[in-house]
Amino acid sequence: MPNLSVKEVSTRLGRFCIIKVNKMLIVTPCDTRVKILEALSEAEMTAEEIAGKVGSAYSTVMDHMDVLEKLEIVSSQLRRTEGKRRIAFSLNDDLGESMSHPADPTSELDIKNK
């Protein structure tokens, strides 16, 4: 499991979170994605479990998971339990080592703050 730490910083420009995953730093507005990353740092979870943990709707969590997967921060795997198919999400173990440089997510993705 990757090493994850989150620090909240307040400035006159607003609140930001500095996320350190292994050797990579990410600066982002404090939002649902930070809560999702903190939840996934504890264990692999389904979208339903994440939604319950962070207090967001399932559809909101899935929108954020799509962004985090495209940035290669999280990965997903199909699981079958009790005859039901669920997608389980986890933090990428090789995050930081596999990326030669952090991507600018706004250049390739239509990211909406939720």
N, C-alpha and C. Protein backbone atom coordinates (compact mmCIF):
# COMPACT_ATOMS: atom_id res chain seq x y z
N MET A 1 0.85 -1.17 0.00
CA MET A 1 0.00 0.00 0.00
C MET A 1 0.91 1.25 0.00
N PRO A 2 0.57 2.25 -0.82
CA PRO A 2 1.40 3.46 -0.88
C PRO A 2 1.32 4.25 0.43
N ASN A 3 2.35 5.05 0.66
CA ASN A 3 2.40 5.93 1.82
C ASN A 3 1.66 7.21 1.45
N LEU A 4 0.61 7.56 2.19
CA LEU A 4 -0.21 8.73 1.89
C LEU A 4 -0.28 9.65 3.09
N SER A 5 -0.05 10.95 2.85
CA SER A 5 -0.26 11.94 3.91
C SER A 5 -0.93 13.15 3.29
N VAL A 6 -1.80 13.79 4.07
CA VAL A 6 -2.57 14.94 3.60
C VAL A 6 -2.42 16.07 4.61
N LYS A 7 -2.13 17.26 4.11
CA LYS A 7 -2.03 18.43 4.97
C LYS A 7 -2.89 19.53 4.38
N GLU A 8 -3.75 20.12 5.20
CA GLU A 8 -4.61 21.21 4.75
C GLU A 8 -3.94 22.54 5.03
N VAL A 9 -3.96 23.43 4.02
CA VAL A 9 -3.34 24.74 4.13
C VAL A 9 -4.37 25.80 3.77
N SER A 10 -4.55 26.79 4.63
CA SER A 10 -5.45 27.90 4.34
C SER A 10 -4.65 29.12 3.93
N THR A 11 -5.03 29.71 2.83
CA THR A 11 -4.39 30.93 2.35
C THR A 11 -5.48 31.94 2.01
N ARG A 12 -5.09 33.14 1.65
CA ARG A 12 -6.11 34.12 1.26
C ARG A 12 -6.74 33.75 -0.08
N LEU A 13 -6.15 32.80 -0.80
CA LEU A 13 -6.73 32.31 -2.04
C LEU A 13 -7.73 31.18 -1.81
N GLY A 14 -7.77 30.68 -0.59
CA GLY A 14 -8.68 29.59 -0.27
C GLY A 14 -7.96 28.46 0.44
N ARG A 15 -8.69 27.36 0.65
CA ARG A 15 -8.13 26.18 1.30
C ARG A 15 -7.60 25.24 0.24
N PHE A 16 -6.42 24.70 0.50
CA PHE A 16 -5.81 23.73 -0.39
C PHE A 16 -5.32 22.56 0.42
N CYS A 17 -5.24 21.43 -0.22
CA CYS A 17 -4.68 20.25 0.41
C CYS A 17 -3.41 19.86 -0.33
N ILE A 18 -2.40 19.56 0.44
CA ILE A 18 -1.15 19.05 -0.12
C ILE A 18 -1.14 17.57 0.18
N ILE A 19 -1.17 16.78 -0.87
CA ILE A 19 -1.23 15.33 -0.75
C ILE A 19 0.13 14.78 -1.15
N LYS A 20 0.71 13.99 -0.29
CA LYS A 20 1.98 13.33 -0.60
C LYS A 20 1.72 11.84 -0.70
N VAL A 21 1.97 11.28 -1.89
CA VAL A 21 1.83 9.86 -2.11
C VAL A 21 3.19 9.35 -2.53
N ASN A 22 3.80 8.55 -1.67
CA ASN A 22 5.18 8.11 -1.87
C ASN A 22 6.06 9.34 -2.08
N LYS A 23 6.62 9.53 -3.28
CA LYS A 23 7.51 10.67 -3.52
C LYS A 23 6.85 11.78 -4.32
N MET A 24 5.57 11.66 -4.61
CA MET A 24 4.88 12.63 -5.45
C MET A 24 4.01 13.55 -4.60
N LEU A 25 4.02 14.84 -4.92
CA LEU A 25 3.19 15.83 -4.25
C LEU A 25 2.08 16.28 -5.18
N ILE A 26 0.87 16.39 -4.65
CA ILE A 26 -0.28 16.88 -5.40
C ILE A 26 -0.89 18.00 -4.59
N VAL A 27 -1.14 19.14 -5.22
CA VAL A 27 -1.81 20.26 -4.57
C VAL A 27 -3.17 20.39 -5.22
N THR A 28 -4.21 20.37 -4.39
CA THR A 28 -5.57 20.40 -4.92
C THR A 28 -6.47 21.18 -3.97
N PRO A 29 -7.55 21.75 -4.49
CA PRO A 29 -8.52 22.32 -3.55
C PRO A 29 -9.05 21.19 -2.66
N CYS A 30 -9.35 21.51 -1.42
CA CYS A 30 -9.88 20.48 -0.51
C CYS A 30 -11.29 20.12 -0.99
N ASP A 31 -11.46 18.88 -1.33
CA ASP A 31 -12.74 18.43 -1.84
C ASP A 31 -12.93 16.95 -1.60
N THR A 32 -13.90 16.41 -2.26
CA THR A 32 -14.25 15.01 -2.09
C THR A 32 -13.11 14.07 -2.48
N ARG A 33 -12.31 14.45 -3.48
CA ARG A 33 -11.20 13.58 -3.90
C ARG A 33 -10.22 13.33 -2.76
N VAL A 34 -9.97 14.33 -1.96
CA VAL A 34 -9.05 14.16 -0.83
C VAL A 34 -9.63 13.16 0.16
N LYS A 35 -10.92 13.27 0.45
CA LYS A 35 -11.57 12.33 1.36
C LYS A 35 -11.52 10.91 0.80
N ILE A 36 -11.69 10.79 -0.52
CA ILE A 36 -11.64 9.47 -1.16
C ILE A 36 -10.24 8.88 -1.02
N LEU A 37 -9.22 9.68 -1.27
CA LEU A 37 -7.85 9.18 -1.15
C LEU A 37 -7.53 8.76 0.28
N GLU A 38 -8.00 9.54 1.24
CA GLU A 38 -7.77 9.16 2.64
C GLU A 38 -8.46 7.84 2.97
N ALA A 39 -9.69 7.66 2.46
CA ALA A 39 -10.41 6.40 2.71
C ALA A 39 -9.68 5.23 2.06
N LEU A 40 -9.21 5.41 0.83
CA LEU A 40 -8.53 4.33 0.12
C LEU A 40 -7.14 4.03 0.70
N SER A 41 -6.59 4.97 1.46
CA SER A 41 -5.29 4.71 2.09
C SER A 41 -5.43 3.68 3.21
N GLU A 42 -6.66 3.49 3.70
CA GLU A 42 -6.92 2.52 4.76
C GLU A 42 -7.15 1.12 4.21
N ALA A 43 -7.87 1.03 3.07
CA ALA A 43 -8.21 -0.28 2.51
C ALA A 43 -8.83 -0.14 1.14
N GLU A 44 -8.84 -1.24 0.41
CA GLU A 44 -9.56 -1.30 -0.86
C GLU A 44 -11.05 -1.20 -0.56
N MET A 45 -11.79 -0.45 -1.39
CA MET A 45 -13.22 -0.26 -1.14
C MET A 45 -14.00 -0.21 -2.44
N THR A 46 -15.29 -0.53 -2.34
CA THR A 46 -16.19 -0.36 -3.47
C THR A 46 -16.69 1.09 -3.47
N ALA A 47 -17.30 1.49 -4.58
CA ALA A 47 -17.83 2.85 -4.66
C ALA A 47 -18.89 3.08 -3.60
N GLU A 48 -19.70 2.06 -3.33
CA GLU A 48 -20.73 2.20 -2.29
C GLU A 48 -20.11 2.44 -0.92
N GLU A 49 -19.04 1.70 -0.63
CA GLU A 49 -18.36 1.87 0.66
C GLU A 49 -17.71 3.25 0.74
N ILE A 50 -17.10 3.70 -0.36
CA ILE A 50 -16.48 5.03 -0.37
C ILE A 50 -17.54 6.09 -0.17
N ALA A 51 -18.67 5.97 -0.85
CA ALA A 51 -19.75 6.96 -0.73
C ALA A 51 -20.22 7.09 0.72
N GLY A 52 -20.37 5.94 1.38
CA GLY A 52 -20.77 5.97 2.78
C GLY A 52 -19.72 6.58 3.68
N LYS A 53 -18.47 6.30 3.39
CA LYS A 53 -17.36 6.80 4.23
C LYS A 53 -17.17 8.31 4.09
N VAL A 54 -17.28 8.84 2.85
CA VAL A 54 -17.01 10.26 2.63
C VAL A 54 -18.27 11.12 2.64
N GLY A 55 -19.44 10.48 2.71
CA GLY A 55 -20.69 11.24 2.78
C GLY A 55 -21.10 11.88 1.47
N SER A 56 -20.84 11.19 0.36
CA SER A 56 -21.22 11.69 -0.96
C SER A 56 -22.11 10.68 -1.65
N ALA A 57 -22.79 11.13 -2.69
CA ALA A 57 -23.63 10.24 -3.48
C ALA A 57 -22.77 9.29 -4.30
N TYR A 58 -23.31 8.13 -4.59
CA TYR A 58 -22.61 7.12 -5.39
C TYR A 58 -22.16 7.72 -6.73
N SER A 59 -23.04 8.45 -7.41
CA SER A 59 -22.70 9.02 -8.72
C SER A 59 -21.55 10.03 -8.62
N THR A 60 -21.51 10.79 -7.55
CA THR A 60 -20.42 11.74 -7.33
C THR A 60 -19.10 11.00 -7.14
N VAL A 61 -19.13 9.94 -6.34
CA VAL A 61 -17.92 9.15 -6.11
C VAL A 61 -17.44 8.55 -7.43
N MET A 62 -18.34 8.02 -8.23
CA MET A 62 -17.94 7.42 -9.50
C MET A 62 -17.32 8.45 -10.45
N ASP A 63 -17.84 9.68 -10.45
CA ASP A 63 -17.24 10.76 -11.26
C ASP A 63 -15.80 11.01 -10.81
N HIS A 64 -15.59 11.09 -9.50
CA HIS A 64 -14.25 11.32 -8.97
C HIS A 64 -13.33 10.13 -9.24
N MET A 65 -13.87 8.92 -9.14
CA MET A 65 -13.05 7.75 -9.39
C MET A 65 -12.59 7.71 -10.84
N ASP A 66 -13.43 8.16 -11.76
CA ASP A 66 -13.06 8.22 -13.17
C ASP A 66 -11.84 9.15 -13.35
N VAL A 67 -11.87 10.30 -12.71
CA VAL A 67 -10.75 11.25 -12.79
C VAL A 67 -9.50 10.64 -12.17
N LEU A 68 -9.63 10.06 -10.98
CA LEU A 68 -8.47 9.50 -10.29
C LEU A 68 -7.88 8.32 -11.04
N GLU A 69 -8.72 7.55 -11.73
CA GLU A 69 -8.20 6.45 -12.55
C GLU A 69 -7.45 6.98 -13.77
N LYS A 70 -7.98 8.01 -14.42
CA LYS A 70 -7.31 8.58 -15.58
C LYS A 70 -5.96 9.19 -15.21
N LEU A 71 -5.86 9.68 -13.99
CA LEU A 71 -4.58 10.22 -13.50
C LEU A 71 -3.66 9.12 -12.99
N GLU A 72 -4.12 7.88 -13.01
CA GLU A 72 -3.37 6.71 -12.55
C GLU A 72 -3.02 6.77 -11.07
N ILE A 73 -3.91 7.39 -10.30
CA ILE A 73 -3.73 7.46 -8.85
C ILE A 73 -4.40 6.26 -8.20
N VAL A 74 -5.54 5.81 -8.76
CA VAL A 74 -6.23 4.63 -8.26
C VAL A 74 -6.40 3.63 -9.38
N SER A 75 -6.66 2.40 -9.01
CA SER A 75 -6.97 1.36 -9.99
C SER A 75 -8.24 0.65 -9.53
N SER A 76 -8.87 -0.02 -10.48
CA SER A 76 -10.12 -0.72 -10.16
C SER A 76 -10.01 -2.17 -10.59
N GLN A 77 -10.80 -3.00 -9.92
CA GLN A 77 -10.83 -4.42 -10.24
C GLN A 77 -12.24 -4.93 -9.97
N LEU A 78 -12.75 -5.73 -10.90
CA LEU A 78 -14.07 -6.30 -10.75
C LEU A 78 -14.03 -7.42 -9.74
N ARG A 79 -14.93 -7.39 -8.76
CA ARG A 79 -15.02 -8.42 -7.72
C ARG A 79 -16.43 -9.01 -7.74
N ARG A 80 -16.52 -10.27 -7.42
CA ARG A 80 -17.82 -10.94 -7.29
C ARG A 80 -17.98 -11.41 -5.85
N THR A 81 -19.02 -10.93 -5.20
CA THR A 81 -19.33 -11.37 -3.84
C THR A 81 -20.82 -11.65 -3.76
N GLU A 82 -21.15 -12.79 -3.24
CA GLU A 82 -22.55 -13.20 -3.06
C GLU A 82 -23.35 -13.04 -4.35
N GLY A 83 -22.73 -13.38 -5.49
CA GLY A 83 -23.41 -13.32 -6.77
C GLY A 83 -23.54 -11.92 -7.37
N LYS A 84 -23.01 -10.92 -6.68
CA LYS A 84 -23.08 -9.54 -7.17
C LYS A 84 -21.72 -9.11 -7.69
N ARG A 85 -21.74 -8.35 -8.77
CA ARG A 85 -20.49 -7.80 -9.29
C ARG A 85 -20.31 -6.39 -8.74
N ARG A 86 -19.15 -6.15 -8.20
CA ARG A 86 -18.79 -4.84 -7.64
C ARG A 86 -17.42 -4.45 -8.15
N ILE A 87 -17.21 -3.16 -8.31
CA ILE A 87 -15.90 -2.65 -8.68
C ILE A 87 -15.21 -2.20 -7.40
N ALA A 88 -14.04 -2.77 -7.15
CA ALA A 88 -13.24 -2.40 -5.97
C ALA A 88 -12.13 -1.47 -6.41
N PHE A 89 -11.94 -0.39 -5.67
CA PHE A 89 -10.92 0.60 -5.96
C PHE A 89 -9.82 0.54 -4.92
N SER A 90 -8.59 0.83 -5.36
CA SER A 90 -7.46 0.90 -4.44
C SER A 90 -6.46 1.90 -4.98
N LEU A 91 -5.60 2.40 -4.08
CA LEU A 91 -4.52 3.28 -4.51
C LEU A 91 -3.51 2.46 -5.29
N ASN A 92 -2.95 3.04 -6.32
CA ASN A 92 -1.90 2.35 -7.09
C ASN A 92 -0.65 2.22 -6.23
N ASP A 93 -0.13 1.02 -6.13
CA ASP A 93 1.07 0.77 -5.33
C ASP A 93 2.30 1.47 -5.89
N ASP A 94 2.39 1.55 -7.21
CA ASP A 94 3.59 2.13 -7.84
C ASP A 94 3.44 3.61 -8.13
N LEU A 95 2.48 4.26 -7.51
CA LEU A 95 2.28 5.69 -7.74
C LEU A 95 3.51 6.47 -7.32
N GLY A 96 3.95 7.35 -8.16
CA GLY A 96 5.16 8.11 -7.89
C GLY A 96 6.34 7.54 -8.62
N GLU A 97 6.50 6.21 -8.59
CA GLU A 97 7.59 5.58 -9.31
C GLU A 97 7.26 5.43 -10.80
N SER A 98 5.97 5.17 -11.11
CA SER A 98 5.60 4.92 -12.50
C SER A 98 5.41 6.20 -13.32
N MET A 99 5.22 7.31 -12.63
CA MET A 99 4.98 8.57 -13.35
C MET A 99 6.28 9.36 -13.43
N SER A 100 6.70 9.67 -14.64
CA SER A 100 7.94 10.43 -14.80
C SER A 100 7.74 11.89 -14.42
N HIS A 101 6.55 12.40 -14.66
CA HIS A 101 6.22 13.75 -14.22
C HIS A 101 4.70 13.82 -14.02
N PRO A 102 4.26 14.61 -13.04
CA PRO A 102 2.83 14.70 -12.80
C PRO A 102 2.14 15.36 -13.99
N ALA A 103 1.01 14.80 -14.36
CA ALA A 103 0.23 15.38 -15.45
C ALA A 103 -0.62 16.52 -14.94
N ASP A 104 -0.91 17.46 -15.84
CA ASP A 104 -1.85 18.53 -15.51
C ASP A 104 -3.23 17.99 -15.84
N PRO A 105 -4.02 17.63 -14.83
CA PRO A 105 -5.29 16.96 -15.10
C PRO A 105 -6.27 17.84 -15.86
N THR A 106 -6.16 19.15 -15.75
CA THR A 106 -7.10 20.02 -16.43
C THR A 106 -6.82 20.11 -17.91
N SER A 107 -5.64 19.70 -18.37
CA SER A 107 -5.33 19.78 -19.79
C SER A 107 -5.98 18.66 -20.58
N GLU A 108 -6.26 17.52 -19.95
CA GLU A 108 -6.81 16.38 -20.68
C GLU A 108 -8.20 15.99 -20.23
N LEU A 109 -8.62 16.42 -19.07
CA LEU A 109 -9.89 15.98 -18.53
C LEU A 109 -10.80 17.16 -18.26
N ASP A 110 -12.09 16.92 -18.36
CA ASP A 110 -13.06 17.92 -17.98
C ASP A 110 -13.39 17.69 -16.51
N ILE A 111 -12.67 18.38 -15.64
CA ILE A 111 -12.80 18.17 -14.20
C ILE A 111 -13.73 19.24 -13.63
N LYS A 112 -14.73 18.77 -12.91
CA LYS A 112 -15.67 19.69 -12.26
C LYS A 112 -15.48 19.54 -10.76
N ASN A 113 -15.38 20.64 -10.05
CA ASN A 113 -15.32 20.57 -8.58
C ASN A 113 -16.69 20.21 -8.06
N LYS A 114 -16.74 19.22 -7.23
CA LYS A 114 -18.02 18.79 -6.66
C LYS A 114 -17.98 18.98 -5.18
